């Protein structure tokens, strides 16, 4: 669903199968925007967030997760995420988060 929404909005999308692959891909070709699920294989999404922000302090990262705990969301934002989107989400919710990430 995520790839479909972004592709329809004109974004070129790339996917990574796990956290390590995501970091490797970002190092090879930094993206304008990263959507990152917290529950991924390998490194946790929060660990990937921290590594990407170390590589690129200006990285635009949106966390997408079923985790809706306020403390969790605040921690993700504190770690450098530009926005948080709770699953399941509507396309407009993702688009709003993307707009915040590019502010």
PDB file of N, CA and C in Angstrom:
ATOM      1  N   UNK A   1       0.826  -1.192   0.000  1.00  0.00           N
ATOM      2  CA  UNK A   1       0.000   0.000   0.000  1.00  0.00           C
ATOM      3  C   UNK A   1       0.871   1.256   0.000  1.00  0.00           C
ATOM      4  N   UNK A   2       1.915   1.241   0.809  1.00  0.00           N
ATOM      5  CA  UNK A   2       2.809   2.392   0.909  1.00  0.00           C
ATOM      6  C   UNK A   2       3.458   2.698  -0.440  1.00  0.00           C
ATOM      7  N   UNK A   3       4.006   1.675  -1.073  1.00  0.00           N
ATOM      8  CA  UNK A   3       4.636   1.842  -2.376  1.00  0.00           C
ATOM      9  C   UNK A   3       3.628   2.368  -3.398  1.00  0.00           C
ATOM     10  N   UNK A   4       2.419   1.873  -3.356  1.00  0.00           N
ATOM     11  CA  UNK A   4       1.375   2.293  -4.292  1.00  0.00           C
ATOM     12  C   UNK A   4       1.063   3.780  -4.120  1.00  0.00           C
ATOM     13  N   UNK A   5       0.886   4.228  -2.884  1.00  0.00           N
ATOM     14  CA  UNK A   5       0.574   5.633  -2.614  1.00  0.00           C
ATOM     15  C   UNK A   5       1.710   6.528  -3.097  1.00  0.00           C
ATOM     16  N   UNK A   6       2.926   6.172  -2.733  1.00  0.00           N
ATOM     17  CA  UNK A   6       4.073   7.003  -3.098  1.00  0.00           C
ATOM     18  C   UNK A   6       4.285   7.020  -4.608  1.00  0.00           C
ATOM     19  N   UNK A   7       4.146   5.881  -5.251  1.00  0.00           N
ATOM     20  CA  UNK A   7       4.312   5.816  -6.711  1.00  0.00           C
ATOM     21  C   UNK A   7       3.254   6.655  -7.417  1.00  0.00           C
ATOM     22  N   UNK A   8       2.027   6.587  -6.942  1.00  0.00           N
ATOM     23  CA  UNK A   8       0.952   7.385  -7.539  1.00  0.00           C
ATOM     24  C   UNK A   8       1.214   8.878  -7.391  1.00  0.00           C
ATOM     25  N   UNK A   9       1.948   9.257  -6.340  1.00  0.00           N
ATOM     26  CA  UNK A   9       2.275  10.662  -6.112  1.00  0.00           C
ATOM     27  C   UNK A   9       3.565  11.080  -6.818  1.00  0.00           C
ATOM     28  N   UNK A  10       4.114  10.184  -7.642  1.00  0.00           N
ATOM     29  CA  UNK A  10       5.267  10.530  -8.451  1.00  0.00           C
ATOM     30  C   UNK A  10       6.626  10.228  -7.840  1.00  0.00           C
ATOM     31  N   UNK A  11       6.656   9.539  -6.731  1.00  0.00           N
ATOM     32  CA  UNK A  11       7.927   9.179  -6.106  1.00  0.00           C
ATOM     33  C   UNK A  11       8.475   7.889  -6.700  1.00  0.00           C
ATOM     34  N   UNK A  12       9.779   7.831  -6.809  1.00  0.00           N
ATOM     35  CA  UNK A  12      10.458   6.598  -7.197  1.00  0.00           C
ATOM     36  C   UNK A  12      10.768   5.882  -5.883  1.00  0.00           C
ATOM     37  N   UNK A  13      10.311   4.661  -5.752  1.00  0.00           N
ATOM     38  CA  UNK A  13      10.426   3.935  -4.485  1.00  0.00           C
ATOM     39  C   UNK A  13      11.447   2.815  -4.573  1.00  0.00           C
ATOM     40  N   UNK A  14      12.105   2.608  -3.462  1.00  0.00           N
ATOM     41  CA  UNK A  14      13.004   1.475  -3.304  1.00  0.00           C
ATOM     42  C   UNK A  14      12.646   0.823  -1.979  1.00  0.00           C
ATOM     43  N   UNK A  15      12.803  -0.479  -1.908  1.00  0.00           N
ATOM     44  CA  UNK A  15      12.473  -1.201  -0.694  1.00  0.00           C
ATOM     45  C   UNK A  15      13.691  -1.966  -0.198  1.00  0.00           C
ATOM     46  N   UNK A  16      13.736  -2.151   1.105  1.00  0.00           N
ATOM     47  CA  UNK A  16      14.800  -2.942   1.716  1.00  0.00           C
ATOM     48  C   UNK A  16      14.147  -4.056   2.522  1.00  0.00           C
ATOM     49  N   UNK A  17      14.748  -5.222   2.485  1.00  0.00           N
ATOM     50  CA  UNK A  17      14.180  -6.388   3.157  1.00  0.00           C
ATOM     51  C   UNK A  17      14.435  -6.381   4.667  1.00  0.00           C
ATOM     52  N   UNK A  18      15.455  -5.638   5.101  1.00  0.00           N
ATOM     53  CA  UNK A  18      15.777  -5.604   6.536  1.00  0.00           C
ATOM     54  C   UNK A  18      16.525  -4.317   6.854  1.00  0.00           C
ATOM     55  N   UNK A  19      16.819  -4.132   8.118  1.00  0.00           N
ATOM     56  CA  UNK A  19      17.472  -2.905   8.561  1.00  0.00           C
ATOM     57  C   UNK A  19      18.844  -2.693   7.967  1.00  0.00           C
ATOM     58  N   UNK A  20      19.634  -3.739   7.929  1.00  0.00           N
ATOM     59  CA  UNK A  20      20.984  -3.626   7.382  1.00  0.00           C
ATOM     60  C   UNK A  20      20.949  -3.229   5.904  1.00  0.00           C
ATOM     61  N   UNK A  21      20.026  -3.819   5.168  1.00  0.00           N
ATOM     62  CA  UNK A  21      19.871  -3.508   3.749  1.00  0.00           C
ATOM     63  C   UNK A  21      19.437  -2.052   3.563  1.00  0.00           C
ATOM     64  N   UNK A  22      18.581  -1.573   4.444  1.00  0.00           N
ATOM     65  CA  UNK A  22      18.117  -0.183   4.370  1.00  0.00           C
ATOM     66  C   UNK A  22      19.285   0.783   4.561  1.00  0.00           C
ATOM     67  N   UNK A  23      20.138   0.497   5.517  1.00  0.00           N
ATOM     68  CA  UNK A  23      21.302   1.353   5.768  1.00  0.00           C
ATOM     69  C   UNK A  23      22.245   1.327   4.572  1.00  0.00           C
ATOM     70  N   UNK A  24      22.506   0.157   4.059  1.00  0.00           N
ATOM     71  CA  UNK A  24      23.389   0.004   2.900  1.00  0.00           C
ATOM     72  C   UNK A  24      22.833   0.773   1.699  1.00  0.00           C
ATOM     73  N   UNK A  25      21.531   0.659   1.467  1.00  0.00           N
ATOM     74  CA  UNK A  25      20.896   1.356   0.345  1.00  0.00           C
ATOM     75  C   UNK A  25      20.987   2.869   0.519  1.00  0.00           C
ATOM     76  N   UNK A  26      20.784   3.337   1.735  1.00  0.00           N
ATOM     77  CA  UNK A  26      20.840   4.782   1.980  1.00  0.00           C
ATOM     78  C   UNK A  26      22.254   5.309   1.781  1.00  0.00           C
ATOM     79  N   UNK A  27      23.252   4.548   2.218  1.00  0.00           N
ATOM     80  CA  UNK A  27      24.642   4.957   2.016  1.00  0.00           C
ATOM     81  C   UNK A  27      24.973   5.052   0.529  1.00  0.00           C
ATOM     82  N   UNK A  28      24.465   4.107  -0.252  1.00  0.00           N
ATOM     83  CA  UNK A  28      24.733   4.070  -1.684  1.00  0.00           C
ATOM     84  C   UNK A  28      23.990   5.172  -2.432  1.00  0.00           C
ATOM     85  N   UNK A  29      22.759   5.449  -2.014  1.00  0.00           N
ATOM     86  CA  UNK A  29      21.926   6.447  -2.688  1.00  0.00           C
ATOM     87  C   UNK A  29      20.987   7.089  -1.671  1.00  0.00           C
ATOM     88  N   UNK A  30      21.426   8.183  -1.036  1.00  0.00           N
ATOM     89  CA  UNK A  30      20.546   8.838  -0.057  1.00  0.00           C
ATOM     90  C   UNK A  30      19.198   9.201  -0.674  1.00  0.00           C
ATOM     91  N   UNK A  31      18.157   8.938   0.066  1.00  0.00           N
ATOM     92  CA  UNK A  31      16.796   9.196  -0.409  1.00  0.00           C
ATOM     93  C   UNK A  31      16.306  10.547   0.083  1.00  0.00           C
ATOM     94  N   UNK A  32      15.355  11.120  -0.645  1.00  0.00           N
ATOM     95  CA  UNK A  32      14.736  12.370  -0.210  1.00  0.00           C
ATOM     96  C   UNK A  32      13.865  12.144   1.013  1.00  0.00           C
ATOM     97  N   UNK A  33      13.322  10.931   1.126  1.00  0.00           N
ATOM     98  CA  UNK A  33      12.427  10.583   2.224  1.00  0.00           C
ATOM     99  C   UNK A  33      12.557   9.100   2.520  1.00  0.00           C
ATOM    100  N   UNK A  34      12.577   8.759   3.796  1.00  0.00           N
ATOM    101  CA  UNK A  34      12.625   7.357   4.218  1.00  0.00           C
ATOM    102  C   UNK A  34      11.384   7.080   5.050  1.00  0.00           C
ATOM    103  N   UNK A  35      10.667   6.031   4.688  1.00  0.00           N
ATOM    104  CA  UNK A  35       9.593   5.539   5.552  1.00  0.00           C
ATOM    105  C   UNK A  35      10.144   4.285   6.201  1.00  0.00           C
ATOM    106  N   UNK A  36      10.001   4.217   7.492  1.00  0.00           N
ATOM    107  CA  UNK A  36      10.658   3.168   8.251  1.00  0.00           C
ATOM    108  C   UNK A  36       9.690   2.533   9.229  1.00  0.00           C
ATOM    109  N   UNK A  37       9.475   1.240   9.064  1.00  0.00           N
ATOM    110  CA  UNK A  37       8.646   0.489  10.011  1.00  0.00           C
ATOM    111  C   UNK A  37       9.527   0.095  11.186  1.00  0.00           C
ATOM    112  N   UNK A  38       8.976   0.121  12.352  1.00  0.00           N
ATOM    113  CA  UNK A  38       9.739  -0.239  13.543  1.00  0.00           C
ATOM    114  C   UNK A  38      10.004  -1.735  13.586  1.00  0.00           C
ATOM    115  N   UNK A  39       9.059  -2.526  13.126  1.00  0.00           N
ATOM    116  CA  UNK A  39       9.196  -3.981  13.184  1.00  0.00           C
ATOM    117  C   UNK A  39       9.713  -4.509  11.852  1.00  0.00           C
ATOM    118  N   UNK A  40      11.032  -4.592  11.738  1.00  0.00           N
ATOM    119  CA  UNK A  40      11.668  -5.117  10.534  1.00  0.00           C
ATOM    120  C   UNK A  40      12.685  -6.169  10.954  1.00  0.00           C
ATOM    121  N   UNK A  41      13.086  -6.983   9.995  1.00  0.00           N
ATOM    122  CA  UNK A  41      14.087  -8.006  10.280  1.00  0.00           C
ATOM    123  C   UNK A  41      15.442  -7.361  10.540  1.00  0.00           C
ATOM    124  N   UNK A  42      16.252  -8.039  11.308  1.00  0.00           N
ATOM    125  CA  UNK A  42      17.596  -7.540  11.598  1.00  0.00           C
ATOM    126  C   UNK A  42      17.543  -6.440  12.635  1.00  0.00           C
ATOM    127  N   UNK A  43      18.245  -5.357  12.366  1.00  0.00           N
ATOM    128  CA  UNK A  43      18.226  -4.218  13.276  1.00  0.00           C
ATOM    129  C   UNK A  43      16.806  -3.707  13.454  1.00  0.00           C
ATOM    130  N   UNK A  44      16.482  -3.230  14.628  1.00  0.00           N
ATOM    131  CA  UNK A  44      15.154  -2.656  14.843  1.00  0.00           C
ATOM    132  C   UNK A  44      15.035  -1.347  14.061  1.00  0.00           C
ATOM    133  N   UNK A  45      13.822  -0.950  13.818  1.00  0.00           N
ATOM    134  CA  UNK A  45      13.589   0.309  13.129  1.00  0.00           C
ATOM    135  C   UNK A  45      14.187   1.483  13.871  1.00  0.00           C
ATOM    136  N   UNK A  46      14.128   1.468  15.203  1.00  0.00           N
ATOM    137  CA  UNK A  46      14.719   2.556  15.989  1.00  0.00           C
ATOM    138  C   UNK A  46      16.232   2.573  15.809  1.00  0.00           C
ATOM    139  N   UNK A  47      16.863   1.408  15.721  1.00  0.00           N
ATOM    140  CA  UNK A  47      18.309   1.354  15.495  1.00  0.00           C
ATOM    141  C   UNK A  47      18.648   1.894  14.113  1.00  0.00           C
ATOM    142  N   UNK A  48      17.860   1.541  13.120  1.00  0.00           N
ATOM    143  CA  UNK A  48      18.081   2.045  11.765  1.00  0.00           C
ATOM    144  C   UNK A  48      17.910   3.560  11.756  1.00  0.00           C
ATOM    145  N   UNK A  49      16.893   4.056  12.431  1.00  0.00           N
ATOM    146  CA  UNK A  49      16.672   5.501  12.537  1.00  0.00           C
ATOM    147  C   UNK A  49      17.923   6.187  13.088  1.00  0.00           C
ATOM    148  N   UNK A  50      18.473   5.654  14.154  1.00  0.00           N
ATOM    149  CA  UNK A  50      19.663   6.246  14.771  1.00  0.00           C
ATOM    150  C   UNK A  50      20.856   6.224  13.820  1.00  0.00           C
ATOM    151  N   UNK A  51      21.060   5.116  13.128  1.00  0.00           N
ATOM    152  CA  UNK A  51      22.185   5.015  12.192  1.00  0.00           C
ATOM    153  C   UNK A  51      22.001   5.990  11.034  1.00  0.00           C
ATOM    154  N   UNK A  52      20.802   6.045  10.458  1.00  0.00           N
ATOM    155  CA  UNK A  52      20.567   6.954   9.332  1.00  0.00           C
ATOM    156  C   UNK A  52      20.770   8.399   9.738  1.00  0.00           C
ATOM    157  N   UNK A  53      20.337   8.760  10.931  1.00  0.00           N
ATOM    158  CA  UNK A  53      20.527  10.136  11.409  1.00  0.00           C
ATOM    159  C   UNK A  53      22.006  10.427  11.676  1.00  0.00           C
ATOM    160  N   UNK A  54      22.789   9.409  12.012  1.00  0.00           N
ATOM    161  CA  UNK A  54      24.234   9.590  12.173  1.00  0.00           C
ATOM    162  C   UNK A  54      24.884   9.799  10.802  1.00  0.00           C
ATOM    163  N   UNK A  55      24.464   9.012   9.829  1.00  0.00           N
ATOM    164  CA  UNK A  55      24.982   9.143   8.466  1.00  0.00           C
ATOM    165  C   UNK A  55      24.597  10.499   7.883  1.00  0.00           C
ATOM    166  N   UNK A  56      23.335  10.884   8.096  1.00  0.00           N
ATOM    167  CA  UNK A  56      22.804  12.119   7.513  1.00  0.00           C
ATOM    168  C   UNK A  56      21.879  12.790   8.523  1.00  0.00           C
ATOM    169  N   UNK A  57      22.397  13.768   9.271  1.00  0.00           N
ATOM    170  CA  UNK A  57      21.570  14.439  10.278  1.00  0.00           C
ATOM    171  C   UNK A  57      20.331  15.124   9.705  1.00  0.00           C
ATOM    172  N   UNK A  58      20.320  15.358   8.400  1.00  0.00           N
ATOM    173  CA  UNK A  58      19.171  16.009   7.760  1.00  0.00           C
ATOM    174  C   UNK A  58      18.206  15.019   7.112  1.00  0.00           C
ATOM    175  N   UNK A  59      18.424  13.735   7.312  1.00  0.00           N
ATOM    176  CA  UNK A  59      17.558  12.721   6.709  1.00  0.00           C
ATOM    177  C   UNK A  59      16.104  12.949   7.138  1.00  0.00           C
ATOM    178  N   UNK A  60      15.214  12.838   6.165  1.00  0.00           N
ATOM    179  CA  UNK A  60      13.775  12.953   6.437  1.00  0.00           C
ATOM    180  C   UNK A  60      13.237  11.536   6.611  1.00  0.00           C
ATOM    181  N   UNK A  61      12.881  11.212   7.843  1.00  0.00           N
ATOM    182  CA  UNK A  61      12.439   9.849   8.149  1.00  0.00           C
ATOM    183  C   UNK A  61      11.055   9.909   8.787  1.00  0.00           C
ATOM    184  N   UNK A  62      10.159   9.120   8.238  1.00  0.00           N
ATOM    185  CA  UNK A  62       8.819   8.967   8.806  1.00  0.00           C
ATOM    186  C   UNK A  62       8.724   7.557   9.366  1.00  0.00           C
ATOM    187  N   UNK A  63       8.356   7.455  10.619  1.00  0.00           N
ATOM    188  CA  UNK A  63       8.161   6.159  11.261  1.00  0.00           C
ATOM    189  C   UNK A  63       6.724   5.715  11.022  1.00  0.00           C
ATOM    190  N   UNK A  64       6.578   4.472  10.597  1.00  0.00           N
ATOM    191  CA  UNK A  64       5.257   3.885  10.388  1.00  0.00           C
ATOM    192  C   UNK A  64       5.189   2.623  11.231  1.00  0.00           C
ATOM    193  N   UNK A  65       4.188   2.541  12.101  1.00  0.00           N
ATOM    194  CA  UNK A  65       4.133   1.390  12.999  1.00  0.00           C
ATOM    195  C   UNK A  65       2.752   1.225  13.617  1.00  0.00           C
ATOM    196  N   UNK A  66       2.496   0.024  14.086  1.00  0.00           N
ATOM    197  CA  UNK A  66       1.280  -0.231  14.858  1.00  0.00           C
ATOM    198  C   UNK A  66       1.458   0.260  16.286  1.00  0.00           C
ATOM    199  N   UNK A  67       2.701   0.513  16.679  1.00  0.00           N
ATOM    200  CA  UNK A  67       2.983   1.032  18.017  1.00  0.00           C
ATOM    201  C   UNK A  67       2.399   2.433  18.112  1.00  0.00           C
ATOM    202  N   UNK A  68       1.378   2.626  18.914  1.00  0.00           N
ATOM    203  CA  UNK A  68       0.766   3.931  19.038  1.00  0.00           C
ATOM    204  C   UNK A  68       0.980   4.555  20.399  1.00  0.00           C
ATOM    205  N   UNK A  69       1.803   3.941  21.210  1.00  0.00           N
ATOM    206  CA  UNK A  69       2.098   4.426  22.551  1.00  0.00           C
ATOM    207  C   UNK A  69       2.717   5.818  22.489  1.00  0.00           C
ATOM    208  N   UNK A  70       2.182   6.747  23.239  1.00  0.00           N
ATOM    209  CA  UNK A  70       2.650   8.139  23.211  1.00  0.00           C
ATOM    210  C   UNK A  70       4.143   8.244  23.515  1.00  0.00           C
ATOM    211  N   UNK A  71       4.618   7.507  24.507  1.00  0.00           N
ATOM    212  CA  UNK A  71       6.038   7.554  24.864  1.00  0.00           C
ATOM    213  C   UNK A  71       6.894   7.057  23.697  1.00  0.00           C
ATOM    214  N   UNK A  72       6.437   6.033  23.004  1.00  0.00           N
ATOM    215  CA  UNK A  72       7.159   5.496  21.860  1.00  0.00           C
ATOM    216  C   UNK A  72       7.242   6.543  20.745  1.00  0.00           C
ATOM    217  N   UNK A  73       6.127   7.186  20.456  1.00  0.00           N
ATOM    218  CA  UNK A  73       6.088   8.215  19.409  1.00  0.00           C
ATOM    219  C   UNK A  73       7.032   9.366  19.763  1.00  0.00           C
ATOM    220  N   UNK A  74       6.973   9.810  21.013  1.00  0.00           N
ATOM    221  CA  UNK A  74       7.841  10.903  21.452  1.00  0.00           C
ATOM    222  C   UNK A  74       9.316  10.519  21.332  1.00  0.00           C
ATOM    223  N   UNK A  75       9.650   9.272  21.636  1.00  0.00           N
ATOM    224  CA  UNK A  75      11.035   8.812  21.523  1.00  0.00           C
ATOM    225  C   UNK A  75      11.478   8.801  20.063  1.00  0.00           C
ATOM    226  N   UNK A  76      10.622   8.352  19.169  1.00  0.00           N
ATOM    227  CA  UNK A  76      10.956   8.330  17.745  1.00  0.00           C
ATOM    228  C   UNK A  76      11.215   9.750  17.241  1.00  0.00           C
ATOM    229  N   UNK A  77      10.389  10.689  17.646  1.00  0.00           N
ATOM    230  CA  UNK A  77      10.564  12.085  17.248  1.00  0.00           C
ATOM    231  C   UNK A  77      11.843  12.647  17.868  1.00  0.00           C
ATOM    232  N   UNK A  78      12.098  12.320  19.115  1.00  0.00           N
ATOM    233  CA  UNK A  78      13.319  12.772  19.789  1.00  0.00           C
ATOM    234  C   UNK A  78      14.565  12.237  19.088  1.00  0.00           C
ATOM    235  N   UNK A  79      14.461  11.012  18.563  1.00  0.00           N
ATOM    236  CA  UNK A  79      15.587  10.393  17.857  1.00  0.00           C
ATOM    237  C   UNK A  79      15.779  10.957  16.443  1.00  0.00           C
ATOM    238  N   UNK A  80      14.846  11.799  16.000  1.00  0.00           N
ATOM    239  CA  UNK A  80      15.033  12.448  14.708  1.00  0.00           C
ATOM    240  C   UNK A  80      14.001  12.161  13.645  1.00  0.00           C
ATOM    241  N   UNK A  81      13.000  11.342  13.950  1.00  0.00           N
ATOM    242  CA  UNK A  81      11.930  11.124  12.972  1.00  0.00           C
ATOM    243  C   UNK A  81      11.178  12.435  12.772  1.00  0.00           C
ATOM    244  N   UNK A  82      10.807  12.703  11.532  1.00  0.00           N
ATOM    245  CA  UNK A  82      10.079  13.932  11.228  1.00  0.00           C
ATOM    246  C   UNK A  82       8.585  13.803  11.487  1.00  0.00           C
ATOM    247  N   UNK A  83       8.096  12.561  11.476  1.00  0.00           N
ATOM    248  CA  UNK A  83       6.670  12.322  11.696  1.00  0.00           C
ATOM    249  C   UNK A  83       6.464  10.855  12.048  1.00  0.00           C
ATOM    250  N   UNK A  84       5.292  10.576  12.573  1.00  0.00           N
ATOM    251  CA  UNK A  84       4.895   9.218  12.933  1.00  0.00           C
ATOM    252  C   UNK A  84       3.527   8.951  12.331  1.00  0.00           C
ATOM    253  N   UNK A  85       3.372   7.793  11.703  1.00  0.00           N
ATOM    254  CA  UNK A  85       2.090   7.388  11.121  1.00  0.00           C
ATOM    255  C   UNK A  85       1.729   6.035  11.717  1.00  0.00           C
ATOM    256  N   UNK A  86       0.559   5.971  12.330  1.00  0.00           N
ATOM    257  CA  UNK A  86       0.103   4.717  12.933  1.00  0.00           C
ATOM    258  C   UNK A  86      -0.609   3.870  11.887  1.00  0.00           C
ATOM    259  N   UNK A  87      -0.325   2.565  11.925  1.00  0.00           N
ATOM    260  CA  UNK A  87      -1.018   1.602  11.059  1.00  0.00           C
ATOM    261  C   UNK A  87      -2.310   1.184  11.731  1.00  0.00           C
ATOM    262  N   UNK A  88      -3.322   0.900  10.981  1.00  0.00           N
ATOM    263  CA  UNK A  88      -3.483   1.161   9.562  1.00  0.00           C
ATOM    264  C   UNK A  88      -3.675   2.662   9.334  1.00  0.00           C
ATOM    265  N   UNK A  89      -3.352   3.126   8.143  1.00  0.00           N
ATOM    266  CA  UNK A  89      -3.458   4.550   7.866  1.00  0.00           C
ATOM    267  C   UNK A  89      -4.149   4.781   6.529  1.00  0.00           C
ATOM    268  N   UNK A  90      -4.697   5.974   6.396  1.00  0.00           N
ATOM    269  CA  UNK A  90      -5.303   6.405   5.139  1.00  0.00           C
ATOM    270  C   UNK A  90      -4.229   7.088   4.306  1.00  0.00           C
ATOM    271  N   UNK A  91      -4.352   7.054   2.988  1.00  0.00           N
ATOM    272  CA  UNK A  91      -3.355   7.721   2.153  1.00  0.00           C
ATOM    273  C   UNK A  91      -3.132   9.184   2.548  1.00  0.00           C
ATOM    274  N   UNK A  92      -4.190   9.883   2.912  1.00  0.00           N
ATOM    275  CA  UNK A  92      -4.056  11.291   3.271  1.00  0.00           C
ATOM    276  C   UNK A  92      -3.229  11.475   4.552  1.00  0.00           C
ATOM    277  N   UNK A  93      -3.311  10.531   5.462  1.00  0.00           N
ATOM    278  CA  UNK A  93      -2.500  10.602   6.673  1.00  0.00           C
ATOM    279  C   UNK A  93      -1.015  10.529   6.324  1.00  0.00           C
ATOM    280  N   UNK A  94      -0.662   9.650   5.406  1.00  0.00           N
ATOM    281  CA  UNK A  94       0.722   9.549   4.952  1.00  0.00           C
ATOM    282  C   UNK A  94       1.141  10.831   4.246  1.00  0.00           C
ATOM    283  N   UNK A  95       0.277  11.350   3.403  1.00  0.00           N
ATOM    284  CA  UNK A  95       0.615  12.583   2.674  1.00  0.00           C
ATOM    285  C   UNK A  95       0.821  13.751   3.630  1.00  0.00           C
ATOM    286  N   UNK A  96       0.022  13.842   4.674  1.00  0.00           N
ATOM    287  CA  UNK A  96       0.202  14.895   5.685  1.00  0.00           C
ATOM    288  C   UNK A  96       1.556  14.750   6.384  1.00  0.00           C
ATOM    289  N   UNK A  97       1.929  13.517   6.721  1.00  0.00           N
ATOM    290  CA  UNK A  97       3.221  13.265   7.368  1.00  0.00           C
ATOM    291  C   UNK A  97       4.369  13.631   6.429  1.00  0.00           C
ATOM    292  N   UNK A  98       4.210  13.339   5.156  1.00  0.00           N
ATOM    293  CA  UNK A  98       5.238  13.672   4.175  1.00  0.00           C
ATOM    294  C   UNK A  98       5.391  15.195   4.070  1.00  0.00           C
ATOM    295  N   UNK A  99       4.296  15.902   4.084  1.00  0.00           N
ATOM    296  CA  UNK A  99       4.359  17.359   4.016  1.00  0.00           C
ATOM    297  C   UNK A  99       5.111  17.915   5.224  1.00  0.00           C
ATOM    298  N   UNK A 100       4.857  17.352   6.412  1.00  0.00           N
ATOM    299  CA  UNK A 100       5.576  17.793   7.620  1.00  0.00           C
ATOM    300  C   UNK A 100       7.071  17.493   7.502  1.00  0.00           C
ATOM    301  N   UNK A 101       7.401  16.354   6.903  1.00  0.00           N
ATOM    302  CA  UNK A 101       8.804  15.975   6.769  1.00  0.00           C
ATOM    303  C   UNK A 101       9.571  16.936   5.855  1.00  0.00           C
ATOM    304  N   UNK A 102       8.871  17.536   4.899  1.00  0.00           N
ATOM    305  CA  UNK A 102       9.533  18.437   3.956  1.00  0.00           C
ATOM    306  C   UNK A 102       9.455  19.898   4.378  1.00  0.00           C
ATOM    307  N   UNK A 103       8.882  20.181   5.539  1.00  0.00           N
ATOM    308  CA  UNK A 103       8.809  21.585   6.020  1.00  0.00           C
ATOM    309  C   UNK A 103      10.166  22.068   6.430  1.00  0.00           C
TER     310      UNK A 103
END
